[in-house]
């Protein structure tokens, strides 16, 4: 089919306007204050900490991938090397502070840690040790599976150590966050005025019990108890997932002013549908908090049709995971409010 000169110029003009619009959105999205990444993972294998990774998890494709990505090796100091690399990249980026996550495990019927069924474990004690060495950069997010028998005691201990948030990961920890018996736990979190961050949406980087506990609708128990809740990953998944929990989040947002979501891993290779969907929903976009999900990397190539050539090349050549994630989300049109919201919610 031949394209007339006028049609061609119209198409080119529309493309130029689109590129100009992207550039303007990028300028408008410059953070006005402290930029906090509210979703950053601490990691360790136990060569200097009480962390552990199961042999099954070490055989998972994600384990070797992340070692190569970060230039790390198993030679007796992996735990320390991971922290050093995380801090190096954070200091080399526009991001001012990171909310750093511990990772609790699965618990048996007696509320004791089930080490055999836990594949990644990063204890709160180690989290606080790391944060205390980098207080200007890192903020502690403790991880507490509410099934543990000492959940309330652990919560008080973590708050006393300065925890800014509590993380729960239902599919890896085999916990239903909507359970009525967890109301006292949520009530205490609300009383302390710290955030509750709960994984929502699909999970592919670790072994899970399934996605039956991954819907944002399961956050209502905590929301009803007054918790300020961040639905990590906004209930979203990869393009090949059959599950779609995002409509649940869309339904909940207007009903609960204390519900937020984060953009963690939403600019990665297999999640190219996610941010465009959020940008089309003003209600969810107003509650979106900047988050990278470090060390999970963003991928500009999958957004080639939304970026100009210059931005695309610049982002593809950016090795810093924090910086690439921030700049890509800027270029895609996330507003400044998304980048400022984390500091406001954390009181930074």
Protein backbone atom coordinates (compact mmCIF):
# COMPACT_ATOMS: atom_id res chain seq x y z
CA UNK A 1 0.00 0.00 0.00
CA UNK A 2 1.35 3.41 -0.96
CA UNK A 3 1.31 6.19 1.62
CA UNK A 4 0.74 9.72 0.36
CA UNK A 5 3.10 12.56 1.29
CA UNK A 6 0.49 14.26 3.47
CA UNK A 7 -0.31 11.02 5.30
CA UNK A 8 3.38 10.33 5.77
CA UNK A 9 4.01 13.81 7.18
CA UNK A 10 0.98 13.43 9.41
CA UNK A 11 2.32 10.18 10.78
CA UNK A 12 5.78 11.63 11.27
CA UNK A 13 4.29 14.72 12.90
CA UNK A 14 2.26 12.58 15.28
CA UNK A 15 5.39 10.64 16.18
CA UNK A 16 7.27 13.88 16.81
CA UNK A 17 4.47 15.16 19.03
CA UNK A 18 4.48 11.88 20.93
CA UNK A 19 8.23 12.09 21.47
CA UNK A 20 7.93 15.70 22.59
CA UNK A 21 5.13 14.70 24.96
CA UNK A 22 7.30 11.96 26.46
CA UNK A 23 10.11 14.45 26.99
CA UNK A 24 7.76 16.89 28.72
CA UNK A 25 6.35 14.18 30.96
CA UNK A 26 9.88 13.15 31.87
CA UNK A 27 10.71 16.74 32.90
CA UNK A 28 7.51 17.10 34.90
CA UNK A 29 8.17 13.79 36.69
CA UNK A 30 11.40 14.98 38.32
CA UNK A 31 11.06 14.27 42.08
CA UNK A 32 10.64 17.38 44.20
CA UNK A 33 12.12 15.95 47.39
CA UNK A 34 13.75 12.79 48.72
CA UNK A 35 13.44 9.91 46.26
CA UNK A 36 12.82 6.63 48.07
CA UNK A 37 12.73 3.21 46.43
CA UNK A 38 10.24 1.35 48.63
CA UNK A 39 10.96 -2.20 47.41
CA UNK A 40 14.57 -3.41 47.65
CA UNK A 41 15.65 -6.92 48.64
CA UNK A 42 18.33 -7.92 51.10
CA UNK A 43 19.86 -11.31 50.34
CA UNK A 44 22.29 -13.79 51.81
CA UNK A 45 23.30 -17.44 51.79
CA UNK A 46 24.65 -17.64 55.33
CA UNK A 47 28.36 -17.00 54.86
CA UNK A 48 28.42 -14.31 57.51
CA UNK A 49 24.78 -14.12 58.53
CA UNK A 50 21.85 -16.34 59.54
CA UNK A 51 20.38 -16.11 56.04
CA UNK A 52 19.91 -19.23 53.98
CA UNK A 53 18.87 -20.31 50.50
CA UNK A 54 17.60 -23.83 49.94
CA UNK A 55 19.36 -26.14 47.51
CA UNK A 56 16.16 -26.22 45.47
CA UNK A 57 16.21 -22.43 45.19
CA UNK A 58 19.89 -22.46 44.21
CA UNK A 59 18.90 -24.69 41.29
CA UNK A 60 16.26 -22.16 40.20
CA UNK A 61 17.20 -20.17 37.11
CA UNK A 62 16.89 -16.90 39.03
CA UNK A 63 19.71 -17.70 41.46
CA UNK A 64 22.55 -18.00 38.93
CA UNK A 65 21.08 -15.21 36.83
CA UNK A 66 21.30 -12.71 39.67
CA UNK A 67 24.79 -13.76 40.64
CA UNK A 68 25.94 -13.03 37.08
CA UNK A 69 23.92 -9.84 36.88
CA UNK A 70 25.56 -8.42 40.00
CA UNK A 71 29.00 -9.88 39.34
CA UNK A 72 28.93 -11.99 42.50
CA UNK A 73 30.52 -15.35 43.28
CA UNK A 74 30.19 -17.96 46.01
CA UNK A 75 33.57 -17.68 47.70
CA UNK A 76 32.74 -17.22 51.37
CA UNK A 77 31.67 -13.58 51.37
CA UNK A 78 28.58 -13.49 49.15
CA UNK A 79 26.43 -11.89 51.85
CA UNK A 80 28.84 -8.98 52.34
CA UNK A 81 29.49 -8.66 48.61
CA UNK A 82 25.78 -8.39 47.88
CA UNK A 83 25.35 -5.54 50.36
CA UNK A 84 28.44 -3.79 48.98
CA UNK A 85 27.09 -3.98 45.42
CA UNK A 86 23.64 -2.81 46.47
CA UNK A 87 25.12 0.19 48.29
CA UNK A 88 27.47 0.97 45.40
CA UNK A 89 24.61 1.09 42.91
CA UNK A 90 22.36 3.06 45.24
CA UNK A 91 25.06 5.68 45.82
CA UNK A 92 25.60 5.92 42.06
CA UNK A 93 21.96 6.61 41.28
CA UNK A 94 19.44 9.43 41.64
CA UNK A 95 17.64 7.40 44.33
CA UNK A 96 18.33 8.85 47.78
CA UNK A 97 17.16 6.03 50.06
CA UNK A 98 15.98 2.44 49.80
CA UNK A 99 13.47 0.58 51.94
CA UNK A 100 15.31 -2.69 52.45
CA UNK A 101 13.38 -5.97 52.93
CA UNK A 102 14.05 -8.91 55.17
CA UNK A 103 12.39 -12.20 54.12
CA UNK A 104 10.62 -14.41 56.65
CA UNK A 105 9.94 -18.09 55.97
CA UNK A 106 7.14 -20.61 56.18
CA UNK A 107 5.83 -21.78 59.55
CA UNK A 108 4.31 -25.07 60.67
CA UNK A 109 1.07 -25.56 62.58
CA UNK A 110 2.83 -24.84 65.84
CA UNK A 111 4.08 -21.50 64.58
CA UNK A 112 7.70 -22.63 64.32
CA UNK A 113 9.92 -21.91 61.33
CA UNK A 114 9.68 -24.73 58.80
CA UNK A 115 13.19 -24.62 57.42
CA UNK A 116 12.63 -27.55 55.06
CA UNK A 117 9.82 -25.67 53.27
CA UNK A 118 11.52 -22.25 53.33
CA UNK A 119 13.56 -21.48 50.23
CA UNK A 120 14.82 -17.95 50.92
CA UNK A 121 15.30 -16.62 54.44
CA UNK A 122 16.68 -13.25 55.50
CA UNK A 123 16.12 -12.70 59.24
CA UNK A 124 15.18 -9.35 60.70
CA UNK A 125 18.26 -9.30 62.91
CA UNK A 126 20.51 -9.32 59.85
CA UNK A 127 18.41 -6.59 58.23
CA UNK A 128 18.95 -4.27 61.19
CA UNK A 129 22.67 -4.99 61.25
CA UNK A 130 23.00 -4.01 57.60
CA UNK A 131 20.86 -0.88 57.97
CA UNK A 132 22.84 0.27 61.00
CA UNK A 133 25.99 0.30 58.84
CA UNK A 134 24.29 2.50 56.20
CA UNK A 135 21.76 4.65 58.08
CA UNK A 136 21.83 7.48 55.53
CA UNK A 137 20.90 5.19 52.64
CA UNK A 138 18.81 2.32 53.98
CA UNK A 139 15.50 2.11 55.83
CA UNK A 140 14.46 -1.20 57.46
CA UNK A 141 11.39 -3.16 56.38
CA UNK A 142 11.08 -6.19 58.64
CA UNK A 143 9.43 -9.36 57.40
CA UNK A 144 7.01 -11.16 59.72
CA UNK A 145 4.87 -14.09 58.71
CA UNK A 146 1.77 -13.56 60.90
CA UNK A 147 1.53 -17.34 61.32
CA UNK A 148 4.61 -17.42 63.57
CA UNK A 149 3.69 -17.95 67.20
CA UNK A 150 5.69 -14.93 68.33
CA UNK A 151 4.42 -12.60 65.59
CA UNK A 152 3.27 -9.87 67.99
CA UNK A 153 6.46 -10.06 70.05
CA UNK A 154 8.57 -9.93 66.89
CA UNK A 155 6.58 -6.93 65.71
CA UNK A 156 7.28 -5.05 68.95
CA UNK A 157 10.94 -5.95 68.74
CA UNK A 158 11.22 -4.74 65.15
CA UNK A 159 9.40 -1.50 65.86
CA UNK A 160 11.79 -0.93 68.73
CA UNK A 161 14.71 -1.37 66.33
CA UNK A 162 13.29 1.26 63.99
CA UNK A 163 11.31 -0.74 61.41
CA UNK A 164 9.50 1.57 59.00
CA UNK A 165 7.37 -1.20 57.49
CA UNK A 166 6.44 -4.89 57.70
CA UNK A 167 6.51 -7.16 54.65
CA UNK A 168 4.33 -10.24 54.14
CA UNK A 169 4.75 -12.49 51.09
CA UNK A 170 1.70 -14.81 50.91
CA UNK A 171 2.70 -17.16 48.04
CA UNK A 172 6.20 -17.94 49.37
CA UNK A 173 5.24 -17.91 53.05
CA UNK A 174 2.05 -19.95 52.54
CA UNK A 175 -0.12 -17.49 54.42
CA UNK A 176 -3.58 -16.12 53.70
CA UNK A 177 -3.41 -12.44 54.67
CA UNK A 178 -7.20 -12.20 54.89
CA UNK A 179 -7.44 -14.58 57.87
CA UNK A 180 -9.53 -13.19 60.71
CA UNK A 181 -7.05 -14.38 63.33
CA UNK A 182 -4.50 -11.88 62.05
CA UNK A 183 -6.60 -8.85 63.03
CA UNK A 184 -4.68 -8.21 66.30
CA UNK A 185 -1.43 -8.29 64.32
CA UNK A 186 -2.72 -5.75 61.80
CA UNK A 187 -4.25 -3.61 64.54
CA UNK A 188 -0.88 -3.36 66.25
CA UNK A 189 0.83 -2.37 62.98
CA UNK A 190 -1.76 0.38 62.55
CA UNK A 191 -1.24 1.58 66.12
CA UNK A 192 2.49 1.91 65.53
CA UNK A 193 1.87 3.92 62.37
CA UNK A 194 4.17 1.89 60.13
CA UNK A 195 3.45 0.55 56.67
CA UNK A 196 2.28 -2.95 55.78
CA UNK A 197 3.62 -4.16 52.43
CA UNK A 198 2.06 -7.32 51.01
CA UNK A 199 3.01 -9.13 47.82
CA UNK A 200 0.14 -9.24 45.33
CA UNK A 201 0.02 -10.67 41.84
CA UNK A 202 1.97 -13.57 40.40
CA UNK A 203 5.42 -14.73 41.51
CA UNK A 204 8.05 -16.47 39.38
CA UNK A 205 11.42 -15.94 41.06
CA UNK A 206 10.94 -18.38 43.94
CA UNK A 207 9.03 -21.53 44.81
CA UNK A 208 5.47 -20.85 45.93
CA UNK A 209 2.37 -22.62 47.16
CA UNK A 210 0.29 -21.14 44.36
CA UNK A 211 -1.49 -17.85 43.76
CA UNK A 212 -4.61 -18.48 45.82
CA UNK A 213 -3.47 -15.85 48.35
CA UNK A 214 -2.14 -13.29 45.86
CA UNK A 215 -5.24 -11.19 45.14
CA UNK A 216 -5.45 -7.62 46.50
CA UNK A 217 -8.93 -8.43 47.82
CA UNK A 218 -7.19 -10.38 50.59
CA UNK A 219 -5.83 -7.12 51.96
CA UNK A 220 -9.23 -6.00 53.22
CA UNK A 221 -8.72 -7.46 56.70
CA UNK A 222 -5.64 -5.30 57.22
CA UNK A 223 -7.26 -2.27 55.60
CA UNK A 224 -10.28 -2.58 57.88
CA UNK A 225 -7.98 -2.59 60.90
CA UNK A 226 -6.54 0.75 59.82
CA UNK A 227 -3.23 -0.33 58.27
CA UNK A 228 -1.70 1.78 55.54
CA UNK A 229 -1.13 -1.00 53.02
CA UNK A 230 1.04 -1.09 49.92
CA UNK A 231 -0.03 -3.79 47.48
CA UNK A 232 3.38 -4.72 46.08
CA UNK A 233 3.39 -5.11 42.28
CA UNK A 234 -0.16 -3.70 42.08
CA UNK A 235 -1.63 -7.19 41.77
CA UNK A 236 -0.03 -7.65 38.36
CA UNK A 237 1.88 -10.38 36.59
CA UNK A 238 3.73 -11.37 33.44
CA UNK A 239 2.10 -11.25 30.00
CA UNK A 240 1.88 -15.05 29.94
CA UNK A 241 0.08 -15.42 33.29
CA UNK A 242 -3.53 -16.59 33.20
CA UNK A 243 -4.25 -14.84 36.51
CA UNK A 244 -5.11 -11.14 36.48
CA UNK A 245 -5.58 -9.60 39.92
CA UNK A 246 -5.36 -5.96 38.81
CA UNK A 247 -9.16 -5.51 38.54
CA UNK A 248 -9.38 -6.33 42.26
CA UNK A 249 -7.03 -3.45 43.02
CA UNK A 250 -9.01 -1.10 40.77
CA UNK A 251 -12.13 -1.99 42.74
CA UNK A 252 -10.52 -1.53 46.16
CA UNK A 253 -8.73 1.79 45.63
CA UNK A 254 -11.81 4.06 45.76
CA UNK A 255 -13.10 2.21 48.82
CA UNK A 256 -9.94 2.41 50.93
CA UNK A 257 -7.96 5.68 51.13
CA UNK A 258 -5.29 3.79 53.10
CA UNK A 259 -4.51 1.47 50.14
CA UNK A 260 -1.51 2.11 47.90
CA UNK A 261 0.47 0.04 45.40
CA UNK A 262 4.04 0.01 44.15
CA UNK A 263 5.71 -0.19 40.76
CA UNK A 264 8.23 -2.89 41.74
CA UNK A 265 9.35 -5.00 38.75
CA UNK A 266 6.58 -3.52 36.56
CA UNK A 267 9.11 -2.32 33.97
CA UNK A 268 10.82 -5.68 33.55
CA UNK A 269 11.04 -7.87 30.46
CA UNK A 270 7.88 -9.92 30.89
CA UNK A 271 5.70 -7.18 32.39
CA UNK A 272 5.50 -4.68 29.54
CA UNK A 273 1.70 -4.54 29.81
CA UNK A 274 1.62 -3.40 33.43
CA UNK A 275 2.65 0.25 33.56
CA UNK A 276 0.56 1.21 30.50
CA UNK A 277 -2.50 -0.23 32.26
CA UNK A 278 -1.78 1.81 35.39
CA UNK A 279 -1.21 4.98 33.37
CA UNK A 280 -4.71 4.54 31.97
CA UNK A 281 -6.29 4.34 35.44
CA UNK A 282 -6.03 7.68 37.26
CA UNK A 283 -7.32 6.25 40.54
CA UNK A 284 -4.58 3.64 40.81
CA UNK A 285 -1.94 5.99 39.40
CA UNK A 286 -2.57 8.45 42.25
CA UNK A 287 -1.72 5.67 44.73
CA UNK A 288 1.37 4.36 42.93
CA UNK A 289 4.67 4.45 44.84
CA UNK A 290 8.07 4.24 43.15
CA UNK A 291 9.80 0.88 43.65
CA UNK A 292 12.37 -1.07 41.68
CA UNK A 293 12.38 -4.57 43.21
CA UNK A 294 16.22 -4.54 43.16
CA UNK A 295 18.01 -6.70 42.07
CA UNK A 296 15.32 -7.42 39.47
CA UNK A 297 16.25 -5.24 36.46
CA UNK A 298 14.06 -3.06 34.28
CA UNK A 299 14.20 -3.57 30.52
CA UNK A 300 13.79 -0.61 28.19
CA UNK A 301 13.74 -2.75 25.04
CA UNK A 302 10.24 -4.04 25.70
CA UNK A 303 9.01 -0.43 25.68
CA UNK A 304 10.69 0.43 22.36
CA UNK A 305 7.42 1.66 20.90
CA UNK A 306 6.93 4.16 23.74
CA UNK A 307 10.46 5.61 23.80
CA UNK A 308 12.40 7.74 21.37
CA UNK A 309 15.63 6.28 19.94
CA UNK A 310 17.81 8.48 22.12
CA UNK A 311 16.07 7.52 25.36
CA UNK A 312 16.00 3.86 24.36
CA UNK A 313 19.73 3.70 23.68
CA UNK A 314 20.58 5.63 26.82
CA UNK A 315 18.46 3.40 29.04
CA UNK A 316 19.69 0.18 27.46
CA UNK A 317 23.28 1.22 28.14
CA UNK A 318 22.65 2.19 31.78
CA UNK A 319 24.20 -0.53 34.00
CA UNK A 320 22.94 0.85 37.33
CA UNK A 321 19.74 -1.03 38.21
CA UNK A 322 18.35 1.72 40.46
CA UNK A 323 19.08 4.47 37.95
CA UNK A 324 17.76 2.56 34.93
CA UNK A 325 14.50 1.72 36.68
CA UNK A 326 13.93 5.32 37.78
CA UNK A 327 14.80 6.87 34.43
CA UNK A 328 12.73 4.35 32.46
CA UNK A 329 9.64 5.04 34.56
CA UNK A 330 10.22 8.76 34.11
CA UNK A 331 10.42 8.31 30.36
CA UNK A 332 7.24 6.24 30.32
CA UNK A 333 5.35 9.12 31.91
CA UNK A 334 4.98 8.33 35.59
CA UNK A 335 4.21 11.65 37.33
CA UNK A 336 6.36 13.30 40.00
CA UNK A 337 3.80 12.36 42.64
CA UNK A 338 4.72 8.68 42.24
CA UNK A 339 8.36 9.45 43.00
CA UNK A 340 7.51 11.69 45.96
CA UNK A 341 4.91 9.45 47.57
CA UNK A 342 7.32 6.96 49.17
CA UNK A 343 9.07 9.63 51.23
CA UNK A 344 5.73 11.01 52.37
CA UNK A 345 4.36 7.62 53.45
CA UNK A 346 7.59 6.79 55.31
CA UNK A 347 7.88 10.22 56.90
CA UNK A 348 11.30 10.83 55.35
